[in-house]
Every structure is written in structure tokens, then in C-alpha cells.
Amino acid sequence: MSQTIVFETTNEEEILSILEKEFQKLPQDGIIFLNAKHNFFPVLKKFQDKYWDNFSWNPLANGIEVWGGELKKIQKGSLSNDSIMLFMGADHFRCDELYAECENALSSGDTIVIQEMFRAFKTSILRHFVMEEEILFPVFEDLTGMRQGPTMAMRMEHEQMKNAVTDMETSLQKKDFKRAGAVGEMLLILMQQHNVKEEGILYPMITNHTLDMHEELLKQLQLAV
């Protein structure tokens, strides 16, 4: 079950009231797609204060013309039982799925669909990098003193992928779908190689070093933008 809410009001209390009312009606695994022409994301912090362990949030558009994302009702308690490794691994999988949808859109040649799918993919992968570079990596580095180790290597790979995303976006703006597809194939290889390293080495290390701050980190990751 899914539905879409478009927030016309900019009043945060009204937005929160609408969101809570519709969320309470949702069955487990139900999804609400939230959209607005203004940044309503700060309201989600107030929503999180009451429901943090009962929903997942995935932004699909972040700024300029539209803000939006997917809010899913999950079994209460399931998020707090996730490890950092499981949470971040699931986000890798989600980014991979969004890239596949973007690739399928490229094959269709439908410009509007391509733009929507690329925007969702770009928003998601850049958010993933924020989760790591602004939340997880600094905590890990402070706890271990390892600033020149795996996190530095992952940051360097992030820059490669960010450059590829920018290159792909430029190609799409020029409607050079062939080049966009070629850049995307290169990006996919980088993502796959990168994910193996993080899931096999770095995430287990981060998980083991942050057990006493597990819940607080998950809350920060949940609403990362």
C-alpha cells in the first residue's frame, strides 16, 4: 500500500499533524511518498522524536524545485535491532536499485522519467556519502585515532564516484544518453568494488567500536540529508 502527500502549507505544526494522522493509518510496510516545493525535512526530526523506531526515511529529491522522499512504516523495534553494518549495507542495496531504475530509464529514452530516476539516484548516493563522511567516519576516527587508514581511502573513492555522478548529470543535461550510460557503467563498477570493501572491512570495524552509541548513530543516519 502506498499513497502520496503533497504539502502545500509551510507551517511545520500543520505538516507534522498531517504526517502523523496518515502514518497512524498505514499498515506495516505501507509507504507514504512526501513531496513539497519547500524544505519540509526539519519536520521529520519532530516526527522522529515519537516514531524513530517505527519508520524508514529515504529522500528522493533535495532542493531547488522540489523536496521529497519515501517514508515507510516498519515493525516497531526492527530498526533498533539493526547493526550499523546492516543499516548501511541495506542503503548500499537501495542505491544499487535506484541506479538500476535509472539505467532502465535511460534505455527508454523518456526524458522526464530519466530526470526523475537520476534525481532519486543522485539524492540517495550523495546522502549515503554524507552518512559516512559526516557521521560514521568522524566518530570512528575519533575513537580509534585511525585518520590515515580505511576511512581516508573510502573518502578518496567517494570523490571518484561524485565526479562520475557529476559527469553523468552533465551528459543528461546535454541529452547525450549514450555517454551518460557509459559513465553510469563505470560508476556502477566503482560502486560495487567500493561496497565490497566497506561491507567486508570498514562497517564491521565501525559496528564493533560504536556499540555503546548504536541508537544515537542510527537516529542520525535515519535523517541524514
Protein backbone atom coordinates (compact mmCIF):
# COMPACT_ATOMS: atom_id res chain seq x y z
CA MET A 1 0.00 0.00 0.00
CA SER A 2 1.31 3.45 -0.89
CA GLN A 3 -0.01 6.98 -1.08
CA THR A 4 1.32 10.44 -1.90
CA ILE A 5 1.07 13.59 0.20
CA VAL A 6 1.93 16.98 -1.28
CA PHE A 7 2.46 19.56 1.44
CA GLU A 8 1.00 22.89 0.32
CA THR A 9 1.41 24.54 3.71
CA THR A 10 4.78 25.65 5.08
CA ASN A 11 3.57 25.56 8.69
CA GLU A 12 5.61 22.88 10.44
CA GLU A 13 2.95 22.04 13.02
CA GLU A 14 0.35 21.53 10.28
CA ILE A 15 2.75 19.35 8.29
CA LEU A 16 3.52 17.26 11.38
CA SER A 17 -0.19 16.85 12.14
CA ILE A 18 -0.94 15.68 8.58
CA LEU A 19 2.00 13.30 8.62
CA GLU A 20 1.13 11.75 11.97
CA LYS A 21 -2.52 11.29 11.01
CA GLU A 22 -1.67 9.48 7.77
CA PHE A 23 1.17 7.48 9.32
CA GLN A 24 -1.10 6.10 12.02
CA LYS A 25 -3.46 4.78 9.32
CA LEU A 26 -0.67 2.97 7.48
CA PRO A 27 -0.37 -0.81 7.72
CA GLN A 28 3.05 -2.29 8.36
CA ASP A 29 5.25 -1.91 5.25
CA GLY A 30 2.91 0.79 3.93
CA ILE A 31 4.61 3.71 2.19
CA ILE A 32 3.88 7.43 2.00
CA PHE A 33 5.59 9.49 -0.69
CA LEU A 34 6.06 13.00 0.65
CA ASN A 35 6.55 15.99 -1.66
CA ALA A 36 6.66 19.78 -1.39
CA LYS A 37 8.08 22.83 -3.13
CA HIS A 38 9.79 23.86 0.10
CA ASN A 39 12.13 22.15 2.53
CA PHE A 40 9.93 20.25 4.98
CA PHE A 41 12.71 17.91 6.10
CA PRO A 42 13.19 19.65 9.52
CA VAL A 43 9.69 18.46 10.48
CA LEU A 44 10.95 14.89 10.31
CA LYS A 45 13.08 15.47 13.41
CA LYS A 46 9.91 16.16 15.42
CA PHE A 47 8.30 13.11 13.83
CA GLN A 48 11.36 11.04 14.74
CA ASP A 49 11.06 12.05 18.40
CA LYS A 50 7.84 9.99 18.60
CA TYR A 51 8.27 7.29 15.97
CA TRP A 52 12.00 6.81 15.36
CA ASP A 53 11.98 3.03 15.67
CA ASN A 54 8.84 2.61 13.57
CA PHE A 55 9.78 4.08 10.17
CA SER A 56 12.43 4.31 7.50
CA TRP A 57 13.05 7.51 5.54
CA ASN A 58 14.64 7.77 2.12
CA PRO A 59 14.94 11.22 0.46
CA LEU A 60 14.39 11.19 -3.30
CA ALA A 61 14.70 14.91 -4.05
CA ASN A 62 16.55 17.52 -2.07
CA GLY A 63 16.30 21.11 -3.09
CA ILE A 64 15.85 23.90 -5.64
CA GLU A 65 12.50 22.91 -7.17
CA VAL A 66 11.23 20.05 -5.06
CA TRP A 67 11.85 18.20 -1.82
CA GLY A 68 10.54 14.69 -1.40
CA GLY A 69 11.08 11.18 -0.23
CA GLU A 70 9.68 7.82 0.80
CA LEU A 71 8.54 7.16 4.36
CA LYS A 72 7.84 3.52 5.17
CA LYS A 73 6.17 2.09 8.25
CA ILE A 74 8.28 -0.74 9.65
CA GLN A 75 7.77 -3.11 12.55
CA LYS A 76 8.37 -1.24 15.79
CA GLY A 77 11.74 -2.24 17.21
CA SER A 78 13.19 -3.55 13.96
CA LEU A 79 15.40 -0.52 13.35
CA SER A 80 16.95 -0.50 16.82
CA ASN A 81 17.81 -4.18 16.33
CA ASP A 82 19.80 -3.37 13.18
CA SER A 83 23.56 -3.08 13.43
CA ILE A 84 25.34 -0.18 11.74
CA MET A 85 26.67 -2.77 9.29
CA LEU A 86 23.17 -3.99 8.37
CA PHE A 87 21.73 -0.47 8.12
CA MET A 88 24.48 0.79 5.83
CA GLY A 89 24.55 -2.41 3.79
CA ALA A 90 20.82 -2.02 3.17
CA ASP A 91 21.43 1.53 1.97
CA HIS A 92 24.06 0.24 -0.47
CA PHE A 93 21.43 -2.13 -1.86
CA ARG A 94 18.92 0.70 -2.13
CA CYS A 95 21.35 2.90 -4.06
CA ASP A 96 22.09 -0.03 -6.38
CA GLU A 97 18.36 -0.49 -7.02
CA LEU A 98 17.91 3.20 -7.81
CA TYR A 99 20.84 3.09 -10.21
CA ALA A 100 19.24 0.10 -11.97
CA GLU A 101 16.00 2.08 -12.33
CA CYS A 102 17.98 4.99 -13.74
CA GLU A 103 19.68 2.66 -16.21
CA ASN A 104 16.31 1.26 -17.30
CA ALA A 105 15.01 4.80 -17.78
CA LEU A 106 17.99 5.60 -20.00
CA SER A 107 17.09 2.65 -22.20
CA SER A 108 13.55 4.01 -22.59
CA GLY A 109 14.71 7.43 -23.80
CA ASP A 110 11.88 9.10 -21.84
CA THR A 111 13.45 12.40 -20.76
CA ILE A 112 11.04 13.08 -17.89
CA VAL A 113 11.44 9.60 -16.40
CA ILE A 114 15.21 9.78 -16.83
CA GLN A 115 15.33 13.08 -14.93
CA GLU A 116 13.18 11.71 -12.09
CA MET A 117 15.16 8.48 -11.76
CA PHE A 118 18.53 10.22 -11.92
CA ARG A 119 17.43 12.78 -9.32
CA ALA A 120 16.39 9.98 -6.96
CA PHE A 121 19.66 8.11 -7.51
CA LYS A 122 21.82 11.22 -7.13
CA THR A 123 19.99 12.30 -3.96
CA SER A 124 20.40 8.84 -2.47
CA ILE A 125 24.05 8.21 -3.24
CA LEU A 126 25.12 11.68 -2.10
CA ARG A 127 23.12 11.17 1.08
CA HIS A 128 24.94 7.88 1.60
CA PHE A 129 28.27 9.66 1.38
CA VAL A 130 27.03 12.22 3.93
CA MET A 131 26.11 9.38 6.31
CA GLU A 132 29.67 8.15 6.14
CA GLU A 133 31.74 11.32 5.83
CA GLU A 134 29.81 13.47 8.30
CA ILE A 135 28.53 10.89 10.80
CA LEU A 136 30.26 7.50 10.85
CA PHE A 137 33.80 8.23 9.72
CA PRO A 138 34.48 11.10 12.17
CA VAL A 139 33.20 9.01 15.10
CA PHE A 140 35.32 6.03 14.06
CA GLU A 141 38.40 8.20 13.57
CA ASP A 142 37.96 9.86 16.97
CA LEU A 143 37.54 6.51 18.72
CA THR A 144 40.45 4.75 17.03
CA GLY A 145 42.82 7.54 16.03
CA MET A 146 42.90 5.98 12.54
CA ARG A 147 42.70 9.01 10.26
CA GLN A 148 45.02 7.82 7.50
CA GLY A 149 43.55 4.34 7.19
CA PRO A 150 40.41 2.87 5.63
CA THR A 151 38.25 5.98 6.03
CA MET A 152 40.75 8.08 4.08
CA ALA A 153 40.76 5.50 1.28
CA MET A 154 36.95 5.44 1.20
CA ARG A 155 36.79 9.24 1.05
CA MET A 156 39.08 9.21 -1.97
CA GLU A 157 36.82 6.69 -3.69
CA HIS A 158 33.81 8.83 -2.82
CA GLU A 159 35.39 11.70 -4.75
CA GLN A 160 35.79 9.46 -7.79
CA MET A 161 32.13 8.49 -7.62
CA LYS A 162 30.97 12.07 -7.04
CA ASN A 163 32.88 13.12 -10.15
CA ALA A 164 31.23 10.33 -12.12
CA VAL A 165 27.78 11.40 -10.89
CA THR A 166 28.51 14.99 -11.98
CA ASP A 167 29.76 13.77 -15.36
CA MET A 168 26.65 11.67 -15.80
CA GLU A 169 24.42 14.61 -14.89
CA THR A 170 26.20 16.87 -17.39
CA SER A 171 25.70 14.28 -20.12
CA LEU A 172 22.00 14.00 -19.28
CA GLN A 173 21.59 17.78 -19.41
CA LYS A 174 23.04 17.66 -22.92
CA LYS A 175 20.72 14.73 -23.71
CA ASP A 176 23.79 12.67 -24.54
CA PHE A 177 22.23 9.47 -23.24
CA LYS A 178 24.90 7.26 -24.78
CA ARG A 179 27.68 8.97 -22.84
CA ALA A 180 25.54 9.07 -19.70
CA GLY A 181 25.11 5.31 -19.98
CA ALA A 182 28.84 4.75 -20.45
CA VAL A 183 29.68 6.90 -17.43
CA GLY A 184 27.00 5.07 -15.47
CA GLU A 185 28.56 1.70 -16.27
CA MET A 186 31.90 2.94 -14.96
CA LEU A 187 30.19 4.34 -11.87
CA LEU A 188 28.45 1.02 -11.21
CA ILE A 189 31.79 -0.80 -11.22
CA LEU A 190 33.23 1.74 -8.77
CA MET A 191 30.19 1.36 -6.52
CA GLN A 192 30.37 -2.43 -6.49
CA GLN A 193 34.08 -2.52 -5.67
CA HIS A 194 33.66 0.17 -3.03
CA ASN A 195 30.72 -1.55 -1.35
CA VAL A 196 32.62 -4.83 -1.00
CA LYS A 197 35.42 -3.06 0.88
CA GLU A 198 33.07 -1.21 3.20
CA GLU A 199 30.83 -4.17 3.96
CA GLY A 200 33.72 -6.59 4.36
CA ILE A 201 36.14 -4.43 6.34
CA LEU A 202 35.07 -0.96 7.45
CA TYR A 203 31.45 -1.45 8.55
CA PRO A 204 32.30 -4.37 10.88
CA MET A 205 35.05 -2.24 12.44
CA ILE A 206 32.72 0.73 12.90
CA THR A 207 29.99 -1.51 14.34
CA ASN A 208 32.34 -3.05 16.90
CA HIS A 209 33.69 0.33 18.03
CA THR A 210 30.32 2.07 18.40
CA LEU A 211 28.18 -0.43 20.28
CA ASP A 212 27.56 1.98 23.16
CA MET A 213 26.31 4.73 20.83
CA HIS A 214 24.43 2.47 18.43
CA GLU A 215 20.97 4.02 18.87
CA GLU A 216 22.13 7.63 18.64
CA LEU A 217 24.07 6.91 15.45
CA LEU A 218 21.08 5.17 13.88
CA LYS A 219 18.91 8.21 14.62
CA GLN A 220 21.44 10.48 12.93
CA LEU A 221 21.72 8.16 9.93
CA GLN A 222 17.94 7.86 9.64
CA LEU A 223 17.51 11.59 8.97
CA ALA A 224 20.76 12.30 7.14
CA VAL A 225 20.31 14.55 4.12
